[in-house]
Every structure is written in structure tokens, then in C-alpha cells.
């Protein structure tokens, strides 16, 4: 029903914008992916799931005050996904993070540059300045 879909979307949006919310949502959706599967079929399912999660993360929720606020709250958390230490989980989270980054950069290049690319590339820029 429409009311349930709206409520789920609202709860998901609220969770994403909390501290560590992105990681919690990604972990909840991706849980179990790739753990028992083998071969090309399991890898394809894994990629599709990563793409769906990235699409969710790249979409600004209706409840958010502005696109700028959404990017300001969510982008640092997306970059944090690149630092997960567990090998299997880290690989999945990196796929989600890179696909989300690419999607955001295509849809809103200025905001993605400000909130994703500049922080991601800052260490390299600092090294090149010295």
C-alpha cells in the first residue's frame, strides 16, 4: 500500500541522515550478500544490489530540507564506506560508495565536487602543494 511505502521511505530517510546512518542502511540491505554465493551469478546479484543501494543513497529524500543539506550530511558517510576494514564487507561497501559517488557526480556535479571529490582528493592536493 502507498501509506506503507511512504512510511518506509520516511524512516529510511531519517536513518540515512543520522550519524553512521548510511553505514547502517548499507549494512542492513547488503547483509548476507556474497557470503554464501559463488561464481558469476552471485557476483552479478552482488553488483545489482550495490547499484540499487547506490541509487537509494544518491536520491535526496522528500523530507530533506534541501539537496545541499542532504549532501552535507550524507557525503562524509559515503566516503567513510571506503575505510571499512573487513575484506568482504569492505569490498561491497566500496562498490556502493564508488557507484554512489559516480551517480551523484553525474546528477549534481557541483555538489558532488564540494562534498565528495574535494574531501576525497584533499590529501593528494596537500602532497602536491609541498
Protein backbone atom coordinates (compact mmCIF):
# COMPACT_ATOMS: atom_id res chain seq x y z
CA UNK A 1 0.00 0.00 0.00
CA UNK A 2 1.02 3.60 -0.65
CA UNK A 3 0.96 4.59 3.04
CA UNK A 4 3.41 1.81 3.94
CA UNK A 5 5.76 2.74 1.11
CA UNK A 6 5.66 6.40 2.21
CA UNK A 7 6.32 5.45 5.85
CA UNK A 8 9.23 3.16 4.90
CA UNK A 9 10.71 5.92 2.76
CA UNK A 10 10.41 8.39 5.61
CA UNK A 11 12.05 6.02 8.10
CA UNK A 12 14.85 5.21 5.64
CA UNK A 13 15.46 8.92 5.01
CA UNK A 14 15.58 9.71 8.72
CA UNK A 15 18.06 6.89 9.32
CA UNK A 16 20.33 7.94 6.44
CA UNK A 17 20.73 11.45 7.82
CA UNK A 18 21.71 10.32 11.32
CA UNK A 19 25.35 9.78 12.31
CA UNK A 20 26.52 6.43 10.89
CA UNK A 21 23.11 6.08 9.26
CA UNK A 22 24.47 5.39 5.79
CA UNK A 23 26.61 2.51 7.03
CA UNK A 24 23.69 1.07 9.00
CA UNK A 25 21.38 1.20 5.97
CA UNK A 26 24.00 -0.27 3.62
CA UNK A 27 24.86 -2.99 6.12
CA UNK A 28 21.18 -3.83 6.59
CA UNK A 29 20.48 -4.09 2.87
CA UNK A 30 23.72 -5.85 1.92
CA UNK A 31 23.73 -8.28 4.85
CA UNK A 32 24.25 -11.80 3.58
CA UNK A 33 25.20 -10.73 0.07
CA UNK A 34 28.19 -12.63 -1.21
CA UNK A 35 28.67 -14.60 2.00
CA UNK A 36 27.48 -17.93 0.65
CA UNK A 37 27.29 -17.35 -3.09
CA UNK A 38 29.85 -18.45 -5.60
CA UNK A 39 30.51 -17.83 -9.24
CA UNK A 40 29.37 -15.29 -11.79
CA UNK A 41 25.69 -15.43 -10.82
CA UNK A 42 26.38 -14.48 -7.19
CA UNK A 43 28.72 -11.70 -8.33
CA UNK A 44 26.05 -10.31 -10.68
CA UNK A 45 23.47 -10.30 -7.88
CA UNK A 46 26.01 -8.56 -5.65
CA UNK A 47 26.61 -5.84 -8.28
CA UNK A 48 22.88 -5.33 -8.85
CA UNK A 49 22.30 -4.97 -5.13
CA UNK A 50 25.17 -2.48 -4.86
CA UNK A 51 23.68 -0.46 -7.73
CA UNK A 52 20.25 -0.37 -6.07
CA UNK A 53 21.74 0.76 -2.76
CA UNK A 54 23.80 3.43 -4.54
CA UNK A 55 20.67 4.69 -6.30
CA UNK A 56 18.91 5.00 -2.93
CA UNK A 57 21.84 6.89 -1.41
CA UNK A 58 22.15 9.25 -4.39
CA UNK A 59 18.48 10.24 -4.21
CA UNK A 60 17.63 13.16 -1.96
CA UNK A 61 14.60 12.27 0.15
CA UNK A 62 11.46 14.41 0.01
CA UNK A 63 11.69 15.01 3.76
CA UNK A 64 15.08 16.71 3.45
CA UNK A 65 15.08 20.50 3.63
CA UNK A 66 17.49 20.93 0.72
CA UNK A 67 19.73 19.00 -1.62
CA UNK A 68 22.73 20.86 -0.15
CA UNK A 69 21.79 19.72 3.37
CA UNK A 70 21.40 16.13 2.19
CA UNK A 71 24.81 16.12 0.51
CA UNK A 72 26.40 17.81 3.54
CA UNK A 73 25.05 15.10 5.88
CA UNK A 74 25.38 12.00 3.69
CA UNK A 75 28.54 12.52 1.61
CA UNK A 76 31.03 12.26 4.50
CA UNK A 77 29.33 9.00 5.47
CA UNK A 78 29.64 7.72 1.89
CA UNK A 79 33.36 8.48 1.98
CA UNK A 80 33.60 6.59 5.30
CA UNK A 81 32.39 3.46 3.47
CA UNK A 82 35.77 3.39 1.71
CA UNK A 83 37.53 2.71 5.04
CA UNK A 84 35.76 -0.47 6.18
CA UNK A 85 38.42 -2.94 7.34
CA UNK A 86 36.64 -6.29 6.88
CA UNK A 87 37.66 -7.64 3.46
CA UNK A 88 34.32 -8.92 2.10
CA UNK A 89 32.21 -6.18 3.68
CA UNK A 90 34.75 -3.56 2.64
CA UNK A 91 34.59 -4.67 -0.99
CA UNK A 92 30.79 -4.41 -1.04
CA UNK A 93 30.82 -1.04 0.73
CA UNK A 94 33.47 0.26 -1.70
CA UNK A 95 31.27 -0.77 -4.63
CA UNK A 96 28.33 1.06 -3.10
CA UNK A 97 30.45 4.14 -2.33
CA UNK A 98 32.01 4.38 -5.79
CA UNK A 99 28.71 3.82 -7.60
CA UNK A 100 27.03 6.40 -5.37
CA UNK A 101 29.85 8.88 -5.99
CA UNK A 102 29.56 8.41 -9.76
CA UNK A 103 25.78 8.78 -9.67
CA UNK A 104 25.93 11.91 -7.54
CA UNK A 105 28.65 13.40 -9.74
CA UNK A 106 26.51 12.87 -12.84
CA UNK A 107 23.32 14.22 -11.28
CA UNK A 108 24.70 17.17 -9.30
CA UNK A 109 28.35 17.81 -10.29
CA UNK A 110 28.89 20.97 -8.21
CA UNK A 111 27.58 19.43 -5.01
CA UNK A 112 29.46 16.19 -5.61
CA UNK A 113 32.68 18.12 -6.20
CA UNK A 114 32.22 20.11 -2.99
CA UNK A 115 31.11 17.26 -0.71
CA UNK A 116 32.74 14.18 -2.25
CA UNK A 117 35.57 14.88 -4.66
CA UNK A 118 37.31 17.70 -2.79
CA UNK A 119 37.42 15.80 0.53
CA UNK A 120 38.47 12.61 -1.29
CA UNK A 121 41.28 14.33 -3.18
CA UNK A 122 42.39 16.72 -0.40
CA UNK A 123 45.34 14.53 0.75
CA UNK A 124 46.68 14.34 -2.82
CA UNK A 125 46.33 18.10 -3.27
CA UNK A 126 48.18 18.71 0.00
CA UNK A 127 51.03 16.46 -1.16
CA UNK A 128 51.29 18.23 -4.49
CA UNK A 129 51.46 21.66 -2.80
CA UNK A 130 54.55 20.84 -0.75
